């Protein structure tokens, strides 16, 4: 199976070289890297997908799930801020962003998001 994942990654990356606006391919590569346990590459590929289409929800949710599993993801705060503009009522985005603010002792922004959550119930 591992060989198949590696082959698929190779195949997708070759296809991506032909069409560098294909964010879905980059996301597929991210999920394959994840299955191979190559988390840094998975994170980078998901970020690459978002650099092409910043509101691509599968990649956003993928990064959120990795963050919630304990992985540090540079730039996730900015990714989620942009995502929140596009999906202002997405509880998953709000909660994760709130968690980041709490971790960074950004009490003001944390409170705002928690109030937003309360008011959306």
Protein backbone atom coordinates (compact mmCIF):
# COMPACT_ATOMS: atom_id res chain seq x y z
CA UNK A 1 0.00 0.00 0.00
CA UNK A 2 2.79 2.43 0.87
CA UNK A 3 4.26 1.99 -2.59
CA UNK A 4 0.87 2.83 -4.05
CA UNK A 5 0.68 6.05 -2.03
CA UNK A 6 4.16 7.03 -3.14
CA UNK A 7 3.29 6.29 -6.75
CA UNK A 8 0.08 8.31 -6.42
CA UNK A 9 2.00 11.26 -4.96
CA UNK A 10 4.46 11.09 -7.83
CA UNK A 11 1.59 10.93 -10.32
CA UNK A 12 -0.29 13.85 -8.72
CA UNK A 13 2.82 16.02 -8.52
CA UNK A 14 3.55 15.38 -12.19
CA UNK A 15 -0.03 16.32 -13.02
CA UNK A 16 0.31 19.41 -10.84
CA UNK A 17 3.43 20.43 -12.77
CA UNK A 18 1.21 20.50 -15.86
CA UNK A 19 -1.54 22.51 -14.18
CA UNK A 20 -0.32 24.58 -11.26
CA UNK A 21 -3.71 26.05 -10.51
CA UNK A 22 -5.11 22.66 -9.49
CA UNK A 23 -5.55 23.09 -5.75
CA UNK A 24 -7.48 19.81 -5.50
CA UNK A 25 -4.42 17.88 -6.64
CA UNK A 26 -2.32 19.55 -3.96
CA UNK A 27 -4.93 18.61 -1.39
CA UNK A 28 -4.93 14.98 -2.58
CA UNK A 29 -1.16 14.96 -2.19
CA UNK A 30 -1.58 16.31 1.35
CA UNK A 31 -3.89 13.45 2.29
CA UNK A 32 -1.50 10.89 0.82
CA UNK A 33 1.46 12.34 2.72
CA UNK A 34 -0.68 12.14 5.84
CA UNK A 35 -1.38 8.45 5.19
CA UNK A 36 2.37 7.92 4.85
CA UNK A 37 2.91 9.65 8.20
CA UNK A 38 4.80 12.51 6.57
CA UNK A 39 2.98 15.23 8.46
CA UNK A 40 5.22 18.23 7.61
CA UNK A 41 4.82 17.44 3.90
CA UNK A 42 1.08 16.94 4.38
CA UNK A 43 0.79 20.33 6.07
CA UNK A 44 2.83 22.03 3.37
CA UNK A 45 0.78 20.48 0.58
CA UNK A 46 -2.47 21.57 2.21
CA UNK A 47 -1.04 25.08 2.58
CA UNK A 48 -0.02 24.96 -1.09
CA UNK A 49 -3.61 24.16 -2.00
CA UNK A 50 -4.76 27.14 0.07
CA UNK A 51 -2.20 29.42 -1.54
CA UNK A 52 -4.02 28.71 -4.81
CA UNK A 53 -7.56 28.84 -3.40
CA UNK A 54 -7.55 30.28 0.10
CA UNK A 55 -11.14 29.31 0.92
CA UNK A 56 -10.83 25.64 -0.12
CA UNK A 57 -12.69 24.04 2.75
CA UNK A 58 -11.30 20.47 2.58
CA UNK A 59 -7.76 21.80 3.03
CA UNK A 60 -8.88 24.14 5.83
CA UNK A 61 -10.62 21.29 7.64
CA UNK A 62 -7.59 19.06 7.10
CA UNK A 63 -5.28 21.60 8.77
CA UNK A 64 -7.77 22.14 11.59
CA UNK A 65 -7.90 18.41 12.28
CA UNK A 66 -4.10 18.21 12.33
CA UNK A 67 -3.92 21.20 14.67
CA UNK A 68 -6.52 19.62 16.95
CA UNK A 69 -4.42 16.44 16.94
CA UNK A 70 -1.55 18.42 18.42
CA UNK A 71 0.48 19.45 15.38
CA UNK A 72 1.89 22.96 15.22
CA UNK A 73 0.98 24.67 11.97
CA UNK A 74 2.75 27.91 11.13
CA UNK A 75 0.41 30.47 9.66
CA UNK A 76 -2.78 28.68 10.67
CA UNK A 77 -4.09 31.76 12.45
CA UNK A 78 -3.95 33.79 9.22
CA UNK A 79 -5.41 30.95 7.18
CA UNK A 80 -8.35 30.73 9.59
CA UNK A 81 -8.88 34.50 9.72
CA UNK A 82 -9.26 34.52 5.93
CA UNK A 83 -11.49 31.45 6.08
CA UNK A 84 -13.69 33.12 8.68
CA UNK A 85 -14.33 36.01 6.30
CA UNK A 86 -15.64 33.53 3.75
CA UNK A 87 -17.40 31.24 6.26
CA UNK A 88 -18.34 33.57 9.13
CA UNK A 89 -20.53 31.04 10.95
CA UNK A 90 -18.36 27.95 10.66
CA UNK A 91 -18.09 26.66 14.23
CA UNK A 92 -15.03 24.55 13.48
CA UNK A 93 -13.11 27.58 12.22
CA UNK A 94 -14.33 29.77 15.09
CA UNK A 95 -13.42 27.22 17.76
CA UNK A 96 -9.98 26.52 16.36
CA UNK A 97 -9.19 30.20 15.94
CA UNK A 98 -10.40 30.80 19.50
CA UNK A 99 -8.09 28.01 20.69
CA UNK A 100 -5.15 29.67 18.92
CA UNK A 101 -6.00 33.06 20.44
CA UNK A 102 -6.29 31.49 23.88
CA UNK A 103 -2.93 29.77 23.47
CA UNK A 104 -1.35 33.07 22.40
CA UNK A 105 -2.99 34.94 25.31
CA UNK A 106 -4.95 37.11 22.89
CA UNK A 107 -7.86 37.50 25.30
CA UNK A 108 -9.70 40.20 23.37
CA UNK A 109 -9.98 38.22 20.14
CA UNK A 110 -10.71 35.04 22.09
CA UNK A 111 -13.63 36.74 23.87
CA UNK A 112 -15.00 38.10 20.58
CA UNK A 113 -15.06 34.64 19.05
CA UNK A 114 -16.62 33.05 22.11
CA UNK A 115 -19.36 35.70 22.07
CA UNK A 116 -19.87 35.02 18.37
CA UNK A 117 -20.30 31.33 19.17
CA UNK A 118 -22.79 32.06 21.94
CA UNK A 119 -24.85 34.36 19.76
CA UNK A 120 -25.01 31.86 16.91
CA UNK A 121 -26.69 29.18 19.02
